Each structure stands twice: as C-alpha cells, then as structure tokens.
Amino acid sequence: MAFDSLNFNRFPVEPGMWSKVDDRFFHHPKVLVAGPMAACLYIGGLCYCNRFLTDGEIPEMALKLLVPGLRYQLAEAKRLVMAGLWETTPSGWRVHDYGAWNESGEAVEARREKTRRRVAEWRKLHGNKEEPSGGNAVTDESGNTHRNAPPTPTPTPTPTPTPTEETSPPRKPPKGAVVVVPPGFAEFWREYPVKEAKGAALRAWEKIRPCNGTVEAIMAGLERWKASDRWSRGFVVHASVWLNQGRWEDQPAPAQPMLTAKTQSNVAALREFVKRGESTP
C-alpha cells in the first residue's frame, strides 16, 4: 500500500499530555549501556506515565503496551534496570528520578482544574459565548494542546480577563520576615544525605503535613534508606522526590557487607589451596 493512499482518519489522535526528553538523551552513558531498543522502551514508559499520571509507576501488565511491536520487552526492561534508568517495584517498575523532571499527577490535575475554572469564569463574564472556530486564547488545557492556537479572526472587542485571586501573582514574604519551619523538618533535613533543593523539600514537607506519628515513620524510613544498598552506592534522590513519592514506606534492600582485608586474604588462600588440590593427580 502506498504511503499517500493511507487513510489516517481511521487513527484519530486523542488529546494527551506532553513528555519531556532531553536532546542529549541518546548520548547519555546510561542510555548507551542500555541500548537502542531499551531506550525506545524508556521513552514509551515516559509517555505512559504522563498519559495516565502514574507518577513514574509502570505496572507489569502495561509493559507490552508501551511500545507496540517491540520484541523481548521483559529483557529490555531488565537492561533499563541494570543501567539505572528504571527501578523494580512489587507491581512492576518505576522510572528513576521521575519526579525530579516531571510534574506529579496531583499537580497536573490541579493545573487542569484551575484552567477549567478560568475558562468557566471567562464564559460567564462574556455571556457564555462559544469559542471562535479558529481557536481562542482562553481554552481548556485538559484538551488537546493544538487547540491553543492564535485566534483567527481576533474577537472584537478583544476580551480583557478580569483580574482574580487565582491569576494574581503569589505574594512573597516581606524582606527580613521570619520563615516558620514546620515541626520535624529541621531534623529531617539535618539527617538527609543530599543537601540540595531545600525549598522544594520544604514545600513537599508542608504538602504532607506530617503529625507526630508520621514524622517518626519518616525518620525511621530515612534510617532504612541510609542503610540501603542503593544509597550506599551513591544513588540518592533529592529530598523533595523522596517525600513526594512516600519513599519512607519502602523496604529497600540493605547494603551488602564489605569483606575486610583479612577476610579477603583468607578467601584468596582458600581458593589457592583448592586449586592446588584439584591439580594433584
């Protein structure tokens, strides 16, 4: 069948989210280790997470749906885990550091709801007029993004949105004001090994609003992660990602014990003894 004769109307494009991929993605050392097919599966996983707002979680049953036609999906998934791009979970996999580069499902839903309210208010102020056929500057963000095209023609008179509390810029605390730190955050930040993006970590802490029992659970989970094999090898996420994903409830694998120099010497001597015994007729 000729390409020009294909009827693409049979394959409608549904409104969806955008997935962000760095232009250096295919040259990243982890991607080069995983290989091209695994990289394709990784991008398919990002699209799945952004479409269904899973916060980076990929269930095992969805693996074959990520890239239709890709062979040996399970083997490629193992290569992604080996390269450090995916992490295994009880239900499937999790995209490594997803929350550090992508919006959470909760944030996306909040943004969509804010847009719906803004659109409803605009229509109420202008007599519930229908949007022009060529698109309008005020559209529903939950729909397809190609609808946000410049208006053609421009409505007359041009609608002027009325300032509301939602569109007003957030108020910043006055200079020199004392910022109140929520209870428990100072201790958490002091114990967390990565001292980066403190503001994001503080916002994540305020969103959780932990009480006494929750603070104790968070600190206990932090101790488990500090003794985990993954953190001992240097794979530590930002505190905001750790809090937003509720990592304190995880049970990470403990760090593998390191052999002392004396034990290593004894093991080498034992191997040499066994080798001499095998060579004796």
C-alpha atoms as a PDB file:
ATOM      1  CA  MET A   1       0.000   0.000   0.000  1.00  0.00           C
ATOM      2  CA  ALA A   2       1.358   3.399  -0.974  1.00  0.00           C
ATOM      3  CA  PHE A   3       2.015   5.828   1.845  1.00  0.00           C
ATOM      4  CA  ASP A   4      -0.076   8.567   0.181  1.00  0.00           C
ATOM      5  CA  SER A   5      -3.089   6.247  -0.024  1.00  0.00           C
ATOM      6  CA  LEU A   6      -3.241   5.586   3.735  1.00  0.00           C
ATOM      7  CA  ASN A   7      -6.358   6.960   5.393  1.00  0.00           C
ATOM      8  CA  PHE A   8      -5.074   8.449   8.628  1.00  0.00           C
ATOM      9  CA  ASN A   9      -8.603   9.473   9.637  1.00  0.00           C
ATOM     10  CA  ARG A  10      -9.016   5.886  10.820  1.00  0.00           C
ATOM     11  CA  PHE A  11      -6.423   6.601  13.525  1.00  0.00           C
ATOM     12  CA  PRO A  12      -7.723   9.654  15.418  1.00  0.00           C
ATOM     13  CA  VAL A  13      -5.270  11.406  17.726  1.00  0.00           C
ATOM     14  CA  GLU A  14      -6.638  11.663  21.246  1.00  0.00           C
ATOM     15  CA  PRO A  15      -5.874  14.709  23.397  1.00  0.00           C
ATOM     16  CA  GLY A  16      -2.993  13.949  25.716  1.00  0.00           C
ATOM     17  CA  MET A  17      -0.014  15.156  27.720  1.00  0.00           C
ATOM     18  CA  TRP A  18       3.471  16.077  26.553  1.00  0.00           C
ATOM     19  CA  SER A  19       6.524  14.051  27.541  1.00  0.00           C
ATOM     20  CA  LYS A  20       9.835  15.855  28.005  1.00  0.00           C
ATOM     21  CA  VAL A  21      13.013  14.246  26.606  1.00  0.00           C
ATOM     22  CA  ASP A  22      16.406  15.939  26.734  1.00  0.00           C
ATOM     23  CA  ASP A  23      18.057  16.410  23.325  1.00  0.00           C
ATOM     24  CA  ARG A  24      21.150  14.668  24.759  1.00  0.00           C
ATOM     25  CA  PHE A  25      19.122  11.634  25.817  1.00  0.00           C
ATOM     26  CA  PHE A  26      20.513   9.124  23.303  1.00  0.00           C
ATOM     27  CA  HIS A  27      24.106  10.106  24.163  1.00  0.00           C
ATOM     28  CA  HIS A  28      23.720   9.672  27.929  1.00  0.00           C
ATOM     29  CA  PRO A  29      26.056   6.964  29.314  1.00  0.00           C
ATOM     30  CA  LYS A  30      23.155   5.047  30.887  1.00  0.00           C
ATOM     31  CA  VAL A  31      21.252   5.006  27.577  1.00  0.00           C
ATOM     32  CA  LEU A  32      24.355   3.852  25.697  1.00  0.00           C
ATOM     33  CA  VAL A  33      24.689   0.977  28.175  1.00  0.00           C
ATOM     34  CA  ALA A  34      21.011   0.024  27.878  1.00  0.00           C
ATOM     35  CA  GLY A  35      20.988   0.016  24.071  1.00  0.00           C
ATOM     36  CA  PRO A  36      18.644   1.482  21.420  1.00  0.00           C
ATOM     37  CA  MET A  37      15.705  -0.886  21.967  1.00  0.00           C
ATOM     38  CA  ALA A  38      15.734  -0.315  25.719  1.00  0.00           C
ATOM     39  CA  ALA A  39      15.926   3.452  25.086  1.00  0.00           C
ATOM     40  CA  CYS A  40      12.816   3.177  22.913  1.00  0.00           C
ATOM     41  CA  LEU A  41      11.070   1.297  25.743  1.00  0.00           C
ATOM     42  CA  TYR A  42      12.154   4.002  28.215  1.00  0.00           C
ATOM     43  CA  ILE A  43      10.533   6.740  26.097  1.00  0.00           C
ATOM     44  CA  GLY A  44       7.401   4.611  25.770  1.00  0.00           C
ATOM     45  CA  GLY A  45       7.338   4.346  29.549  1.00  0.00           C
ATOM     46  CA  LEU A  46       7.577   8.141  29.923  1.00  0.00           C
ATOM     47  CA  CYS A  47       4.636   8.581  27.544  1.00  0.00           C
ATOM     48  CA  TYR A  48       2.613   6.034  29.513  1.00  0.00           C
ATOM     49  CA  CYS A  49       3.330   7.752  32.850  1.00  0.00           C
ATOM     50  CA  ASN A  50       2.449  11.199  31.506  1.00  0.00           C
ATOM     51  CA  ARG A  51      -0.727   9.984  29.819  1.00  0.00           C
ATOM     52  CA  PHE A  52      -2.140   8.168  32.827  1.00  0.00           C
ATOM     53  CA  LEU A  53      -0.486  10.354  35.525  1.00  0.00           C
ATOM     54  CA  THR A  54       1.098   7.421  37.352  1.00  0.00           C
ATOM     55  CA  ASP A  55       3.953   9.455  38.897  1.00  0.00           C
ATOM     56  CA  GLY A  56       6.532   7.240  37.220  1.00  0.00           C
ATOM     57  CA  GLU A  57       4.956   3.881  38.124  1.00  0.00           C
ATOM     58  CA  ILE A  58       4.709   1.277  35.329  1.00  0.00           C
ATOM     59  CA  PRO A  59       2.698  -1.861  36.188  1.00  0.00           C
ATOM     60  CA  GLU A  60       3.919  -5.168  34.821  1.00  0.00           C
ATOM     61  CA  MET A  61       0.716  -5.737  32.843  1.00  0.00           C
ATOM     62  CA  ALA A  62       1.323  -2.496  30.882  1.00  0.00           C
ATOM     63  CA  LEU A  63       4.808  -3.450  29.672  1.00  0.00           C
ATOM     64  CA  LYS A  64       3.659  -4.830  26.313  1.00  0.00           C
ATOM     65  CA  LEU A  65       1.566  -1.708  25.666  1.00  0.00           C
ATOM     66  CA  LEU A  66       4.424   0.789  25.977  1.00  0.00           C
ATOM     67  CA  VAL A  67       5.913   0.236  22.509  1.00  0.00           C
ATOM     68  CA  PRO A  68       3.595  -1.892  20.315  1.00  0.00           C
ATOM     69  CA  GLY A  69       5.602  -4.279  18.168  1.00  0.00           C
ATOM     70  CA  LEU A  70       8.757  -4.167  20.280  1.00  0.00           C
ATOM     71  CA  ARG A  71      10.119  -7.685  20.885  1.00  0.00           C
ATOM     72  CA  TYR A  72      11.578  -9.030  24.118  1.00  0.00           C
ATOM     73  CA  GLN A  73      10.073  -6.275  26.267  1.00  0.00           C
ATOM     74  CA  LEU A  74      10.957  -8.037  29.532  1.00  0.00           C
ATOM     75  CA  ALA A  75      14.617  -8.413  28.526  1.00  0.00           C
ATOM     76  CA  GLU A  76      14.778  -4.727  27.568  1.00  0.00           C
ATOM     77  CA  ALA A  77      13.167  -3.782  30.891  1.00  0.00           C
ATOM     78  CA  LYS A  78      15.912  -5.698  32.704  1.00  0.00           C
ATOM     79  CA  ARG A  79      18.502  -3.759  30.716  1.00  0.00           C
ATOM     80  CA  LEU A  80      16.895  -0.484  31.842  1.00  0.00           C
ATOM     81  CA  VAL A  81      17.066  -1.629  35.465  1.00  0.00           C
ATOM     82  CA  MET A  82      20.685  -2.679  35.024  1.00  0.00           C
ATOM     83  CA  ALA A  83      21.535   0.745  33.542  1.00  0.00           C
ATOM     84  CA  GLY A  84      19.807   2.563  36.417  1.00  0.00           C
ATOM     85  CA  LEU A  85      17.034   4.106  34.297  1.00  0.00           C
ATOM     86  CA  TRP A  86      14.235   2.030  35.872  1.00  0.00           C
ATOM     87  CA  GLU A  87      13.759   0.646  39.369  1.00  0.00           C
ATOM     88  CA  THR A  88      11.923  -2.555  40.234  1.00  0.00           C
ATOM     89  CA  THR A  89       8.807  -2.395  42.418  1.00  0.00           C
ATOM     90  CA  PRO A  90       6.444  -5.089  43.746  1.00  0.00           C
ATOM     91  CA  SER A  91       3.951  -4.290  40.973  1.00  0.00           C
ATOM     92  CA  GLY A  92       6.384  -3.637  38.116  1.00  0.00           C
ATOM     93  CA  TRP A  93       8.820  -0.761  37.630  1.00  0.00           C
ATOM     94  CA  ARG A  94       9.375   2.902  38.485  1.00  0.00           C
ATOM     95  CA  VAL A  95      11.145   5.467  36.277  1.00  0.00           C
ATOM     96  CA  HIS A  96      14.282   6.612  38.115  1.00  0.00           C
ATOM     97  CA  ASP A  97      14.038  10.242  39.324  1.00  0.00           C
ATOM     98  CA  TYR A  98      10.710  10.721  37.510  1.00  0.00           C
ATOM     99  CA  GLY A  99       9.516  13.308  39.996  1.00  0.00           C
ATOM    100  CA  ALA A 100      12.660  15.409  39.590  1.00  0.00           C
ATOM    101  CA  TRP A 101      11.913  16.171  35.918  1.00  0.00           C
ATOM    102  CA  ASN A 102       8.149  15.667  35.540  1.00  0.00           C
ATOM    103  CA  GLU A 103       5.041  17.092  37.160  1.00  0.00           C
ATOM    104  CA  SER A 104       3.220  14.880  39.619  1.00  0.00           C
ATOM    105  CA  GLY A 105      -0.275  13.681  38.768  1.00  0.00           C
ATOM    106  CA  GLU A 106      -1.644  15.813  41.583  1.00  0.00           C
ATOM    107  CA  ALA A 107      -0.007  18.955  40.169  1.00  0.00           C
ATOM    108  CA  VAL A 108      -1.336  18.243  36.662  1.00  0.00           C
ATOM    109  CA  GLU A 109      -4.874  17.725  37.948  1.00  0.00           C
ATOM    110  CA  ALA A 110      -4.667  20.949  39.980  1.00  0.00           C
ATOM    111  CA  ARG A 111      -3.475  22.879  36.931  1.00  0.00           C
ATOM    112  CA  ARG A 112      -6.265  21.457  34.799  1.00  0.00           C
ATOM    113  CA  GLU A 113      -8.873  22.316  37.416  1.00  0.00           C
ATOM    114  CA  LYS A 114      -7.543  25.875  37.628  1.00  0.00           C
ATOM    115  CA  THR A 115      -7.828  26.201  33.857  1.00  0.00           C
ATOM    116  CA  ARG A 116     -11.402  24.856  33.902  1.00  0.00           C
ATOM    117  CA  ARG A 117     -12.395  27.456  36.479  1.00  0.00           C
ATOM    118  CA  ARG A 118     -10.697  30.227  34.498  1.00  0.00           C
ATOM    119  CA  VAL A 119     -12.490  29.193  31.291  1.00  0.00           C
ATOM    120  CA  ALA A 120     -15.842  28.960  33.089  1.00  0.00           C
ATOM    121  CA  GLU A 121     -15.355  32.452  34.554  1.00  0.00           C
ATOM    122  CA  TRP A 122     -14.433  33.919  31.173  1.00  0.00           C
ATOM    123  CA  ARG A 123     -17.529  32.422  29.561  1.00  0.00           C
ATOM    124  CA  LYS A 124     -19.694  33.676  32.413  1.00  0.00           C
ATOM    125  CA  LEU A 125     -18.368  37.227  32.005  1.00  0.00           C
ATOM    126  CA  HIS A 126     -18.959  37.173  28.232  1.00  0.00           C
ATOM    127  CA  GLY A 127     -22.410  35.667  28.140  1.00  0.00           C
ATOM    128  CA  ASN A 128     -21.307  32.027  27.786  1.00  0.00           C
ATOM    129  CA  LYS A 129     -20.218  32.667  24.204  1.00  0.00           C
ATOM    130  CA  GLU A 130     -18.861  29.785  22.209  1.00  0.00           C
ATOM    131  CA  GLU A 131     -15.209  29.897  21.340  1.00  0.00           C
ATOM    132  CA  PRO A 132     -14.386  31.066  17.764  1.00  0.00           C
ATOM    133  CA  SER A 133     -13.827  28.264  15.270  1.00  0.00           C
ATOM    134  CA  GLY A 134     -10.189  29.197  14.810  1.00  0.00           C
ATOM    135  CA  GLY A 135      -9.389  28.758  18.480  1.00  0.00           C
ATOM    136  CA  ASN A 136      -9.269  31.181  21.365  1.00  0.00           C
ATOM    137  CA  ALA A 137      -6.601  32.414  23.740  1.00  0.00           C
ATOM    138  CA  VAL A 138      -8.717  31.088  26.620  1.00  0.00           C
ATOM    139  CA  THR A 139      -9.122  27.352  26.116  1.00  0.00           C
ATOM    140  CA  ASP A 140      -9.411  24.251  28.215  1.00  0.00           C
ATOM    141  CA  GLU A 141      -5.910  22.987  28.925  1.00  0.00           C
ATOM    142  CA  SER A 142      -7.224  19.494  29.603  1.00  0.00           C
ATOM    143  CA  GLY A 143      -7.989  19.176  25.883  1.00  0.00           C
ATOM    144  CA  ASN A 144      -5.512  18.779  23.061  1.00  0.00           C
ATOM    145  CA  THR A 145      -2.714  21.340  23.116  1.00  0.00           C
ATOM    146  CA  HIS A 146      -3.033  22.153  19.412  1.00  0.00           C
ATOM    147  CA  ARG A 147      -6.282  23.968  20.225  1.00  0.00           C
ATOM    148  CA  ASN A 148      -4.269  26.750  21.875  1.00  0.00           C
ATOM    149  CA  ALA A 149      -3.607  28.390  18.510  1.00  0.00           C
ATOM    150  CA  PRO A 150      -3.653  32.176  17.987  1.00  0.00           C
ATOM    151  CA  PRO A 151      -7.230  33.420  17.447  1.00  0.00           C
ATOM    152  CA  THR A 152      -8.344  33.689  13.836  1.00  0.00           C
ATOM    153  CA  PRO A 153     -10.030  36.117  13.487  1.00  0.00           C
ATOM    154  CA  THR A 154      -9.402  38.169  16.635  1.00  0.00           C
ATOM    155  CA  PRO A 155     -12.696  38.735  18.501  1.00  0.00           C
ATOM    156  CA  THR A 156     -13.966  42.308  18.540  1.00  0.00           C
ATOM    157  CA  PRO A 157     -13.776  43.753  21.113  1.00  0.00           C
ATOM    158  CA  THR A 158     -10.805  41.770  22.400  1.00  0.00           C
ATOM    159  CA  PRO A 159     -11.809  40.124  25.702  1.00  0.00           C
ATOM    160  CA  THR A 160      -9.950  41.509  28.685  1.00  0.00           C
ATOM    161  CA  PRO A 161      -9.786  38.984  31.531  1.00  0.00           C
ATOM    162  CA  THR A 162     -10.853  40.376  34.860  1.00  0.00           C
ATOM    163  CA  PRO A 163      -8.091  40.017  37.492  1.00  0.00           C
ATOM    164  CA  THR A 164      -8.998  37.393  40.043  1.00  0.00           C
ATOM    165  CA  GLU A 165      -7.375  35.934  43.071  1.00  0.00           C
ATOM    166  CA  GLU A 166      -6.237  32.895  41.079  1.00  0.00           C
ATOM    167  CA  THR A 167      -4.468  34.954  38.381  1.00  0.00           C
ATOM    168  CA  SER A 168      -2.795  37.305  40.840  1.00  0.00           C
ATOM    169  CA  PRO A 169       0.919  36.645  41.401  1.00  0.00           C
ATOM    170  CA  PRO A 170       1.730  34.845  44.650  1.00  0.00           C
ATOM    171  CA  ARG A 171       2.672  37.115  47.484  1.00  0.00           C
ATOM    172  CA  LYS A 172       6.257  36.893  48.647  1.00  0.00           C
ATOM    173  CA  PRO A 173       7.077  37.297  52.319  1.00  0.00           C
ATOM    174  CA  PRO A 174       8.446  40.750  53.119  1.00  0.00           C
ATOM    175  CA  LYS A 175      12.200  41.117  53.270  1.00  0.00           C
ATOM    176  CA  GLY A 176      13.542  40.208  56.681  1.00  0.00           C
ATOM    177  CA  ALA A 177      10.417  38.258  57.664  1.00  0.00           C
ATOM    178  CA  VAL A 178      10.932  35.182  59.834  1.00  0.00           C
ATOM    179  CA  VAL A 179      10.085  31.968  57.953  1.00  0.00           C
ATOM    180  CA  VAL A 180       8.461  29.433  60.254  1.00  0.00           C
ATOM    181  CA  VAL A 181       9.854  25.926  59.629  1.00  0.00           C
ATOM    182  CA  PRO A 182       7.269  23.151  60.143  1.00  0.00           C
ATOM    183  CA  PRO A 183       7.903  20.799  63.079  1.00  0.00           C
ATOM    184  CA  GLY A 184      10.209  17.918  62.270  1.00  0.00           C
ATOM    185  CA  PHE A 185      11.600  19.329  59.008  1.00  0.00           C
ATOM    186  CA  ALA A 186      14.811  20.672  60.548  1.00  0.00           C
ATOM    187  CA  GLU A 187      15.683  17.244  61.961  1.00  0.00           C
ATOM    188  CA  PHE A 188      14.770  15.563  58.663  1.00  0.00           C
ATOM    189  CA  TRP A 189      16.925  17.971  56.626  1.00  0.00           C
ATOM    190  CA  ARG A 190      19.841  17.548  59.017  1.00  0.00           C
ATOM    191  CA  GLU A 191      19.766  13.745  58.578  1.00  0.00           C
ATOM    192  CA  TYR A 192      19.071  13.634  54.821  1.00  0.00           C
ATOM    193  CA  PRO A 193      22.340  12.953  52.942  1.00  0.00           C
ATOM    194  CA  VAL A 194      21.736  15.223  49.900  1.00  0.00           C
ATOM    195  CA  LYS A 195      21.683  18.928  50.794  1.00  0.00           C
ATOM    196  CA  GLU A 196      20.181  20.239  47.535  1.00  0.00           C
ATOM    197  CA  ALA A 197      16.821  21.877  46.629  1.00  0.00           C
ATOM    198  CA  LYS A 198      15.878  22.640  50.232  1.00  0.00           C
ATOM    199  CA  GLY A 199      12.983  24.867  49.151  1.00  0.00           C
ATOM    200  CA  ALA A 200      11.404  22.056  47.135  1.00  0.00           C
ATOM    201  CA  ALA A 201      11.875  19.682  50.056  1.00  0.00           C
ATOM    202  CA  LEU A 202      10.200  22.179  52.413  1.00  0.00           C
ATOM    203  CA  ARG A 203       7.207  22.507  50.073  1.00  0.00           C
ATOM    204  CA  ALA A 204       6.910  18.725  49.865  1.00  0.00           C
ATOM    205  CA  TRP A 205       7.030  18.512  53.663  1.00  0.00           C
ATOM    206  CA  GLU A 206       4.297  21.159  54.004  1.00  0.00           C
ATOM    207  CA  LYS A 207       2.141  19.292  51.492  1.00  0.00           C
ATOM    208  CA  ILE A 208       2.381  16.108  53.566  1.00  0.00           C
ATOM    209  CA  ARG A 209       1.653  17.982  56.825  1.00  0.00           C
ATOM    210  CA  PRO A 210       3.078  15.157  58.955  1.00  0.00           C
ATOM    211  CA  CYS A 211       1.867  14.730  62.525  1.00  0.00           C
ATOM    212  CA  ASN A 212       3.919  13.192  65.346  1.00  0.00           C
ATOM    213  CA  GLY A 213       3.381   9.601  64.214  1.00  0.00           C
ATOM    214  CA  THR A 214       4.112  10.418  60.599  1.00  0.00           C
ATOM    215  CA  VAL A 215       7.323  12.269  61.488  1.00  0.00           C
ATOM    216  CA  GLU A 216       8.542   9.212  63.381  1.00  0.00           C
ATOM    217  CA  ALA A 217       7.663   6.978  60.414  1.00  0.00           C
ATOM    218  CA  ILE A 218       9.505   9.312  58.019  1.00  0.00           C
ATOM    219  CA  MET A 219      12.628   9.339  60.200  1.00  0.00           C
ATOM    220  CA  ALA A 220      12.512   5.532  60.581  1.00  0.00           C
ATOM    221  CA  GLY A 221      12.171   5.142  56.817  1.00  0.00           C
ATOM    222  CA  LEU A 222      15.071   7.544  56.324  1.00  0.00           C
ATOM    223  CA  GLU A 223      17.280   5.375  58.535  1.00  0.00           C
ATOM    224  CA  ARG A 224      16.360   2.298  56.463  1.00  0.00           C
ATOM    225  CA  TRP A 225      17.302   4.095  53.245  1.00  0.00           C
ATOM    226  CA  LYS A 226      20.586   5.359  54.735  1.00  0.00           C
ATOM    227  CA  ALA A 227      21.498   1.716  55.393  1.00  0.00           C
ATOM    228  CA  SER A 228      20.243   0.522  51.986  1.00  0.00           C
ATOM    229  CA  ASP A 229      22.391  -0.941  49.231  1.00  0.00           C
ATOM    230  CA  ARG A 230      21.216   1.657  46.710  1.00  0.00           C
ATOM    231  CA  TRP A 231      22.132   4.683  48.812  1.00  0.00           C
ATOM    232  CA  SER A 232      25.441   3.120  49.844  1.00  0.00           C
ATOM    233  CA  ARG A 233      26.335   3.079  46.132  1.00  0.00           C
ATOM    234  CA  GLY A 234      25.517   6.789  45.771  1.00  0.00           C
ATOM    235  CA  PHE A 235      22.066   6.605  44.119  1.00  0.00           C
ATOM    236  CA  VAL A 236      20.309   9.124  46.397  1.00  0.00           C
ATOM    237  CA  VAL A 237      17.361  11.180  45.064  1.00  0.00           C
ATOM    238  CA  HIS A 238      16.531  14.726  46.137  1.00  0.00           C
ATOM    239  CA  ALA A 239      14.619  15.054  49.374  1.00  0.00           C
ATOM    240  CA  SER A 240      11.556  16.502  47.599  1.00  0.00           C
ATOM    241  CA  VAL A 241      11.339  13.445  45.323  1.00  0.00           C
ATOM    242  CA  TRP A 242      11.781  11.115  48.295  1.00  0.00           C
ATOM    243  CA  LEU A 243       8.957  12.840  50.189  1.00  0.00           C
ATOM    244  CA  ASN A 244       6.544  13.255  47.249  1.00  0.00           C
ATOM    245  CA  GLN A 245       6.792   9.551  46.397  1.00  0.00           C
ATOM    246  CA  GLY A 246       6.352   8.408  50.013  1.00  0.00           C
ATOM    247  CA  ARG A 247       9.659   6.533  49.980  1.00  0.00           C
ATOM    248  CA  TRP A 248       9.695   6.281  53.793  1.00  0.00           C
ATOM    249  CA  GLU A 249       7.151   3.457  53.452  1.00  0.00           C
ATOM    250  CA  ASP A 250       9.501   1.392  51.242  1.00  0.00           C
ATOM    251  CA  GLN A 251      11.595  -1.532  52.426  1.00  0.00           C
ATOM    252  CA  PRO A 252      14.844  -1.095  50.451  1.00  0.00           C
ATOM    253  CA  ALA A 253      17.386  -3.874  50.214  1.00  0.00           C
ATOM    254  CA  PRO A 254      20.080  -3.480  52.885  1.00  0.00           C
ATOM    255  CA  ALA A 255      23.678  -2.756  51.946  1.00  0.00           C
ATOM    256  CA  GLN A 256      25.871  -5.762  51.245  1.00  0.00           C
ATOM    257  CA  PRO A 257      28.534  -6.296  53.933  1.00  0.00           C
ATOM    258  CA  MET A 258      32.059  -5.432  52.835  1.00  0.00           C
ATOM    259  CA  LEU A 259      34.800  -8.019  53.343  1.00  0.00           C
ATOM    260  CA  THR A 260      37.724  -6.946  55.496  1.00  0.00           C
ATOM    261  CA  ALA A 261      41.290  -7.197  54.202  1.00  0.00           C
ATOM    262  CA  LYS A 262      41.943 -10.181  56.456  1.00  0.00           C
ATOM    263  CA  THR A 263      38.841 -11.998  55.222  1.00  0.00           C
ATOM    264  CA  GLN A 264      39.788 -11.327  51.614  1.00  0.00           C
ATOM    265  CA  SER A 265      43.263 -12.726  52.281  1.00  0.00           C
ATOM    266  CA  ASN A 266      41.770 -15.876  53.827  1.00  0.00           C
ATOM    267  CA  VAL A 267      39.420 -16.337  50.871  1.00  0.00           C
ATOM    268  CA  ALA A 268      42.330 -15.979  48.418  1.00  0.00           C
ATOM    269  CA  ALA A 269      44.392 -18.531  50.389  1.00  0.00           C
ATOM    270  CA  LEU A 270      41.463 -20.968  50.453  1.00  0.00           C
ATOM    271  CA  ARG A 271      40.982 -20.639  46.691  1.00  0.00           C
ATOM    272  CA  GLU A 272      44.705 -21.302  46.139  1.00  0.00           C
ATOM    273  CA  PHE A 273      44.519 -24.369  48.381  1.00  0.00           C
ATOM    274  CA  VAL A 274      41.522 -25.727  46.459  1.00  0.00           C
ATOM    275  CA  LYS A 275      43.282 -25.009  43.151  1.00  0.00           C
ATOM    276  CA  ARG A 276      46.388 -26.975  44.215  1.00  0.00           C
ATOM    277  CA  GLY A 277      44.197 -29.850  45.390  1.00  0.00           C
ATOM    278  CA  GLU A 278      42.401 -30.033  42.034  1.00  0.00           C
ATOM    279  CA  SER A 279      45.719 -30.098  40.140  1.00  0.00           C
ATOM    280  CA  THR A 280      47.043 -33.014  42.253  1.00  0.00           C
ATOM    281  CA  PRO A 281      46.517 -36.380  40.440  1.00  0.00           C
END
